[in-house]
Structure formats: C-alpha cells, structure tokens
Amino acid sequence: MNINLGIAPIAWSNDDMPELGGDTPIETCLFEAQSVGYSGIELGGKFPRNPGTVKYLINKFNLYLPGGWYGSKLKEKSIEEEWQAMQTQIELLKFVKSSVFIFADVSGSIQGEAGVALSARPKLIDSEWNNYCNKITEISKRLSDVGLPMSYHSHMGTIIQTEQDVDRLLDNTNDKTSLLFDTGHILFAQGDYESILKKYVGRINHVHCKDIRQEVLNRSLANDLSFRDSFLEGIFTVPGDGCINYKPLLETLYNNKYIKWLVVEAEQDPKKANPLEYAKIGYNYLSKILTEVGYNI
C-alpha cells in the first residue's frame, strides 16, 4: 500500500513571522525538499499566487502540491462573503490539481500575537456553535462540489483548538467536513492524539506530522506562554526529534487503509534549526516506520 510523504515550507520561511527565513528563495526550499526525497510540498507564503507560476515551480522540482493553509474568518463573515474570499485559493489549488483545501478559522486568533497568553484564545460560546457548524457544513459541501474536500485544521490560539472543540465540530457537521490530523497541535492543546486518530480516522483526509519538545511544552503550559513565544522557544520539531511515538499512529492509518498525504510540518527558527537537516531527520524517521508497518513510499 502506497503513502505520500511531503513537507511544508514553513521550516524554511515562516508565514506568521516573515523575518524568519524571509531571505530564503522559494527555489531553495523546493530544491532541498525534493533532494531529501519528499514527493510533495504544501503551499506557503513564499509561493507566488499566479497559478501558472506555481505549476511551473512544482513541475520544475518534480513535486506535487497537495494543498495549503487558508486562514478563514467564517465566524465573523457570512457564507457568501467567505466563499467569495476563498475563490483565489480555490482556483490556484484546482489548477495544480491539489487534493484538499486546508481550512482554519482565524477569527480573533492570537496565534501571531506576541505576549498574549494562550489562555486568552477566542472561544465559541454555546449559542454560537449551531450557526457556526451550519456554516462549515455549507462550505464543506461547496468545496466537495468543486473537487477540493475541506480539511479542517484545529490550531492553537484559534476557536477550534481542543479535543472537545474537535468533537463538537465533527459531531455537528456533515460527513464532507473532514479533519486535518495534526499531532503537534493536538498534544499542545493537551488532547489525546491516539484517541482522536482512532475515533475519526474515517474523517481524516490529511495529516501534519509535527513533533513536540516535551520540556518546552511543560514550560509553555506552566507559564501560560503565547503561541508565538512557545514557537520561538522551540516547542515544535520534526518527527524523530520530539516526544511523539509515531509508530502506533502510522499503524492505525495503515490498518484503516489511509493512502493520502503525510506532511512534515514543524515551524522553527531556521537559524537555530537548519531546514535541510531537519527535513532529513523527519524523512528518515518516518520512512523507516512507514516501511516497518507495511507502507510503500
């Protein structure tokens, strides 16, 4: 059974903090990702937004583009307003034949705010959930209709962060609302990533392989750091360099015939964590375990 192994460009240049890796050309990122052995790369802030240019770049380096982050404000907008705002990204992803539309809601998000503790993140109150889930259901249906299934990204500092948030979202949306399974964000939010994977494996259509440095996690939670400060302290790293054991997770995916994308995604300061070297660590670790559980890369 085959699996697709990709990487996100955020290790080379950070979208939330452009000064981190801001001088790194996108061609360097693409060349290094391909040289390690990855077959795909996600859309990132350094990419041009001209569909033809994006297609030229990924073809030049023989890479596939499975999808890319979209920061929605659906909580604050109407369905039609958000749908119109999404069209530029939809057209780009359709042009390069991407697999999923990675959807996160950044309404009131504090993920890029220096000094704002994660405990101050925005939350949906009980009376807002029904309307919000109805909006998500409609957007999911429309994305499915255009051939770009939604992959909802729960994310630190946003309205869908915790395991309880994920449960409530998936319990109250249609089956076209799929989940992006991100180990690092689930663990950071003190969720049980093994339990979530087993519970929702049938609704997971994209996986971010992000690891956590346990000592930084402990410090972040104890001191209620901001997401930005936690990231700068080095909370995230690639699989094989943190505390998450990926073998049982990959076994669950294999046993449930998951054959889509695994994407190494670990935002770090490239001056502290050389992107090429960490790309190799993640690739070597995951490819070894994937082979052990029965996958072909």
Protein backbone atom coordinates (compact mmCIF):
# COMPACT_ATOMS: atom_id res chain seq x y z
CA MET A 1 0.00 0.00 0.00
CA ASN A 2 1.43 3.35 -1.06
CA ILE A 3 1.61 6.55 1.00
CA ASN A 4 2.57 10.08 0.02
CA LEU A 5 5.24 11.86 2.09
CA GLY A 6 5.50 15.62 1.81
CA ILE A 7 6.74 18.64 3.73
CA ALA A 8 5.58 22.17 4.46
CA PRO A 9 7.76 25.17 3.52
CA ILE A 10 7.26 26.78 6.93
CA ALA A 11 10.59 25.39 8.17
CA TRP A 12 12.40 27.47 5.54
CA SER A 13 10.37 30.67 5.84
CA ASN A 14 7.70 31.41 8.42
CA ASP A 15 4.36 32.82 7.28
CA ASP A 16 3.43 34.41 10.63
CA MET A 17 6.92 35.86 11.17
CA PRO A 18 8.31 36.67 7.70
CA GLU A 19 11.59 37.84 9.23
CA LEU A 20 12.36 34.18 9.95
CA GLY A 21 13.78 32.84 6.72
CA GLY A 22 12.47 35.79 4.80
CA ASP A 23 15.60 35.93 2.67
CA THR A 24 15.34 32.27 1.60
CA PRO A 25 14.17 31.91 -2.02
CA ILE A 26 11.28 29.53 -2.64
CA GLU A 27 13.51 27.68 -5.11
CA THR A 28 15.90 26.77 -2.26
CA CYS A 29 13.03 25.29 -0.29
CA LEU A 30 11.76 23.31 -3.26
CA PHE A 31 15.20 22.03 -4.25
CA GLU A 32 16.07 20.90 -0.72
CA ALA A 33 12.68 19.26 -0.14
CA GLN A 34 12.99 17.30 -3.37
CA SER A 35 16.62 16.38 -2.71
CA VAL A 36 15.72 14.75 0.62
CA GLY A 37 13.12 12.55 -1.08
CA TYR A 38 9.79 14.26 -0.40
CA SER A 39 7.31 13.96 -3.25
CA GLY A 40 5.13 16.89 -2.26
CA ILE A 41 5.13 20.31 -0.66
CA GLU A 42 2.32 22.46 0.69
CA LEU A 43 1.56 25.98 -0.46
CA GLY A 44 3.26 28.60 1.71
CA GLY A 45 3.60 32.34 1.96
CA LYS A 46 6.75 32.45 -0.18
CA PHE A 47 4.94 30.96 -3.17
CA PRO A 48 3.72 33.37 -5.84
CA ARG A 49 -0.04 33.32 -6.23
CA ASN A 50 -0.10 33.11 -10.00
CA PRO A 51 -1.37 29.56 -10.74
CA GLY A 52 0.81 29.18 -13.81
CA THR A 53 3.95 30.20 -11.94
CA VAL A 54 3.17 27.83 -9.05
CA LYS A 55 2.63 24.99 -11.51
CA TYR A 56 5.92 25.80 -13.24
CA LEU A 57 7.81 25.75 -9.94
CA ILE A 58 6.43 22.46 -8.65
CA ASN A 59 6.90 20.80 -12.03
CA LYS A 60 10.48 22.07 -12.21
CA PHE A 61 11.29 20.26 -8.97
CA ASN A 62 9.03 17.27 -9.67
CA LEU A 63 6.83 17.93 -6.65
CA TYR A 64 3.10 17.66 -6.06
CA LEU A 65 1.19 20.33 -4.12
CA PRO A 66 -1.47 18.58 -2.01
CA GLY A 67 -2.94 21.75 -0.51
CA GLY A 68 -2.19 24.83 1.52
CA TRP A 69 -3.30 26.77 4.58
CA TYR A 70 -6.26 29.11 4.24
CA GLY A 71 -6.98 31.42 7.17
CA SER A 72 -10.74 31.88 7.21
CA LYS A 73 -12.83 34.33 9.22
CA LEU A 74 -16.04 32.39 8.77
CA LYS A 75 -17.15 33.02 12.35
CA GLU A 76 -17.26 36.74 11.54
CA LYS A 77 -18.46 36.51 7.93
CA SER A 78 -21.45 35.23 6.05
CA ILE A 79 -21.14 32.06 3.99
CA GLU A 80 -21.21 34.07 0.76
CA GLU A 81 -18.58 36.55 1.94
CA GLU A 82 -16.22 33.76 2.91
CA TRP A 83 -16.90 31.74 -0.22
CA GLN A 84 -16.00 34.70 -2.40
CA ALA A 85 -12.84 35.34 -0.36
CA MET A 86 -11.77 31.72 -0.91
CA GLN A 87 -12.01 31.80 -4.69
CA THR A 88 -8.43 32.87 -5.47
CA GLN A 89 -7.01 29.98 -3.47
CA ILE A 90 -9.61 27.55 -4.83
CA GLU A 91 -8.70 28.40 -8.41
CA LEU A 92 -4.97 28.06 -7.72
CA LEU A 93 -5.38 24.68 -6.00
CA LYS A 94 -7.68 23.40 -8.73
CA PHE A 95 -5.19 24.47 -11.40
CA VAL A 96 -2.37 22.43 -9.85
CA LYS A 97 -4.74 19.53 -9.05
CA SER A 98 -4.37 19.68 -5.26
CA SER A 99 -6.05 17.09 -3.05
CA VAL A 100 -7.53 19.13 -0.19
CA PHE A 101 -8.46 22.64 0.93
CA ILE A 102 -6.79 23.19 4.33
CA PHE A 103 -9.23 25.34 6.29
CA ALA A 104 -8.57 27.05 9.62
CA ASP A 105 -10.63 29.77 11.25
CA VAL A 106 -8.50 32.67 12.45
CA SER A 107 -11.38 34.85 13.68
CA GLY A 108 -9.91 36.62 16.71
CA SER A 109 -6.88 34.31 16.60
CA ILE A 110 -3.99 35.11 18.92
CA GLN A 111 -1.51 32.75 17.25
CA GLY A 112 0.63 35.60 15.94
CA GLU A 113 0.25 37.92 18.93
CA ALA A 114 3.37 38.43 20.99
CA GLY A 115 2.78 38.33 24.73
CA VAL A 116 -0.89 37.21 24.56
CA ALA A 117 -1.24 34.06 26.64
CA LEU A 118 -2.84 31.03 25.03
CA SER A 119 -5.42 31.00 27.82
CA ALA A 120 -6.81 34.18 26.23
CA ARG A 121 -7.57 32.46 22.92
CA PRO A 122 -11.02 33.03 21.35
CA LYS A 123 -13.78 30.51 22.03
CA LEU A 124 -17.23 29.81 20.67
CA ILE A 125 -19.95 30.20 23.26
CA ASP A 126 -22.77 27.64 23.36
CA SER A 127 -25.21 29.83 21.45
CA GLU A 128 -22.73 30.23 18.55
CA TRP A 129 -21.95 26.60 17.85
CA ASN A 130 -25.06 25.65 15.87
CA ASN A 131 -24.76 28.56 13.44
CA TYR A 132 -21.02 28.05 13.05
CA CYS A 133 -21.35 24.34 12.30
CA ASN A 134 -24.10 25.06 9.77
CA LYS A 135 -21.72 27.46 8.01
CA ILE A 136 -18.93 24.89 8.00
CA THR A 137 -21.31 22.26 6.62
CA GLU A 138 -22.25 24.51 3.71
CA ILE A 139 -18.67 25.49 2.91
CA SER A 140 -17.65 21.81 3.09
CA LYS A 141 -20.41 20.88 0.66
CA ARG A 142 -19.32 23.57 -1.80
CA LEU A 143 -15.67 22.55 -1.57
CA SER A 144 -16.62 18.93 -2.20
CA ASP A 145 -18.63 20.01 -5.22
CA VAL A 146 -15.58 21.71 -6.77
CA GLY A 147 -13.32 18.72 -6.03
CA LEU A 148 -11.34 20.16 -3.12
CA PRO A 149 -12.50 18.45 0.08
CA MET A 150 -12.24 20.51 3.24
CA SER A 151 -9.53 19.50 5.70
CA TYR A 152 -10.32 21.40 8.90
CA HIS A 153 -7.17 22.34 10.83
CA SER A 154 -7.60 22.64 14.59
CA HIS A 155 -4.91 25.07 15.67
CA MET A 156 -3.53 26.62 18.84
CA GLY A 157 -4.81 30.12 19.52
CA THR A 158 -7.99 29.70 17.46
CA ILE A 159 -11.66 28.89 18.11
CA ILE A 160 -11.13 25.21 17.29
CA GLN A 161 -8.16 24.20 19.44
CA THR A 162 -9.00 21.48 21.96
CA GLU A 163 -10.09 17.87 21.67
CA GLN A 164 -13.51 18.97 22.93
CA ASP A 165 -13.70 21.58 20.17
CA VAL A 166 -12.88 18.96 17.55
CA ASP A 167 -15.51 16.59 18.95
CA ARG A 168 -18.19 19.24 18.88
CA LEU A 169 -17.28 20.41 15.37
CA LEU A 170 -17.32 16.93 13.85
CA ASP A 171 -20.43 15.86 15.78
CA ASN A 172 -22.39 18.78 14.32
CA THR A 173 -21.19 18.96 10.71
CA ASN A 174 -21.77 16.80 7.65
CA ASP A 175 -19.57 13.93 6.57
CA LYS A 176 -17.95 16.14 3.94
CA THR A 177 -16.28 18.07 6.77
CA SER A 178 -13.02 16.20 7.14
CA LEU A 179 -10.26 16.73 9.69
CA LEU A 180 -6.62 17.62 9.26
CA PHE A 181 -4.93 15.49 11.91
CA ASP A 182 -2.02 17.45 13.40
CA THR A 183 -0.23 15.58 16.18
CA GLY A 184 1.66 18.61 17.47
CA HIS A 185 -1.32 20.93 17.84
CA ILE A 186 -3.41 18.20 19.49
CA LEU A 187 -0.70 17.44 22.04
CA PHE A 188 -0.04 21.16 22.66
CA ALA A 189 -3.78 21.53 23.36
CA GLN A 190 -3.45 18.66 25.86
CA GLY A 191 -5.54 16.33 23.74
CA ASP A 192 -5.14 12.57 23.25
CA TYR A 193 -3.89 12.30 19.68
CA GLU A 194 -4.04 8.48 19.61
CA SER A 195 -7.67 8.51 20.73
CA ILE A 196 -8.63 11.25 18.26
CA LEU A 197 -6.99 9.38 15.39
CA LYS A 198 -8.80 6.14 16.19
CA LYS A 199 -12.12 7.92 16.68
CA TYR A 200 -12.03 9.98 13.50
CA VAL A 201 -9.72 8.07 11.16
CA GLY A 202 -12.59 7.72 8.67
CA ARG A 203 -12.93 11.52 8.50
CA ILE A 204 -9.23 12.35 8.35
CA ASN A 205 -8.10 13.33 4.85
CA HIS A 206 -4.74 14.99 5.54
CA VAL A 207 -2.05 14.54 8.22
CA HIS A 208 0.51 17.01 9.55
CA CYS A 209 3.42 15.23 11.19
CA LYS A 210 4.59 17.69 13.81
CA ASP A 211 6.51 16.72 16.93
CA ILE A 212 6.84 18.42 20.32
CA ARG A 213 9.79 19.04 22.60
CA GLN A 214 8.38 17.90 25.94
CA GLU A 215 10.44 20.23 28.12
CA VAL A 216 9.32 23.29 26.13
CA LEU A 217 5.70 22.10 26.25
CA ASN A 218 5.89 21.76 30.02
CA ARG A 219 7.37 25.24 30.35
CA SER A 220 4.83 26.75 28.00
CA LEU A 221 1.86 25.27 29.83
CA ALA A 222 3.27 26.09 33.29
CA ASN A 223 3.88 29.73 32.34
CA ASP A 224 0.88 30.17 30.02
CA LEU A 225 3.10 31.44 27.23
CA SER A 226 1.79 32.86 23.98
CA PHE A 227 1.80 30.68 20.89
CA ARG A 228 4.44 32.93 19.37
CA ASP A 229 6.73 32.70 22.40
CA SER A 230 6.26 28.94 22.59
CA PHE A 231 7.24 28.61 18.96
CA LEU A 232 10.30 30.81 19.42
CA GLU A 233 11.29 28.73 22.46
CA GLY A 234 11.32 25.70 20.15
CA ILE A 235 8.17 23.80 21.11
CA PHE A 236 7.80 22.28 17.64
CA THR A 237 10.17 19.98 15.83
CA VAL A 238 10.08 17.26 13.19
CA PRO A 239 9.11 13.63 13.86
CA GLY A 240 12.04 11.76 15.33
CA ASP A 241 13.27 14.75 17.33
CA GLY A 242 10.49 15.08 19.88
CA CYS A 243 8.38 13.09 22.31
CA ILE A 244 5.72 11.63 20.00
CA ASN A 245 5.97 7.95 19.05
CA TYR A 246 4.63 7.79 15.51
CA LYS A 247 4.62 4.01 15.14
CA PRO A 248 1.18 3.35 16.69
CA LEU A 249 -0.25 6.29 14.76
CA LEU A 250 1.08 5.04 11.43
CA GLU A 251 -0.12 1.52 12.27
CA THR A 252 -3.64 2.89 12.82
CA LEU A 253 -3.50 4.72 9.50
CA TYR A 254 -2.23 1.61 7.72
CA ASN A 255 -4.86 -0.64 9.28
CA ASN A 256 -7.54 1.78 8.12
CA LYS A 257 -6.11 1.95 4.58
CA TYR A 258 -5.13 5.62 4.72
CA ILE A 259 -3.31 6.34 1.43
CA LYS A 260 -3.33 10.13 1.26
CA TRP A 261 -0.68 12.60 2.46
CA LEU A 262 1.62 12.74 5.45
CA VAL A 263 3.21 16.18 5.59
CA VAL A 264 6.14 17.02 7.86
CA GLU A 265 5.34 20.43 9.30
CA ALA A 266 7.39 21.97 12.08
CA GLU A 267 7.75 25.72 12.31
CA GLN A 268 11.16 26.52 13.79
CA ASP A 269 13.60 29.38 13.57
CA PRO A 270 15.72 28.36 10.55
CA LYS A 271 18.79 29.97 12.12
CA LYS A 272 18.50 27.59 15.06
CA ALA A 273 17.20 24.55 13.19
CA ASN A 274 18.67 24.16 9.71
CA PRO A 275 15.69 23.35 7.46
CA LEU A 276 17.53 20.86 5.28
CA GLU A 277 18.95 18.93 8.22
CA TYR A 278 15.60 18.76 9.99
CA ALA A 279 13.84 17.79 6.76
CA LYS A 280 16.22 14.81 6.61
CA ILE A 281 15.55 13.86 10.24
CA GLY A 282 11.79 13.84 9.65
CA TYR A 283 12.04 11.95 6.37
CA ASN A 284 14.40 9.28 7.67
CA TYR A 285 12.38 8.69 10.82
CA LEU A 286 9.00 8.47 9.10
CA SER A 287 10.19 6.45 6.10
CA LYS A 288 11.72 3.83 8.42
CA ILE A 289 8.50 3.39 10.41
CA LEU A 290 6.28 3.53 7.31
CA THR A 291 8.27 0.66 5.84
CA GLU A 292 8.03 -1.29 9.10
CA VAL A 293 4.23 -1.02 9.23
CA GLY A 294 3.84 -2.04 5.59
CA TYR A 295 3.65 1.14 3.54
CA ASN A 296 5.50 1.82 0.29
CA ILE A 297 6.71 5.41 -0.11
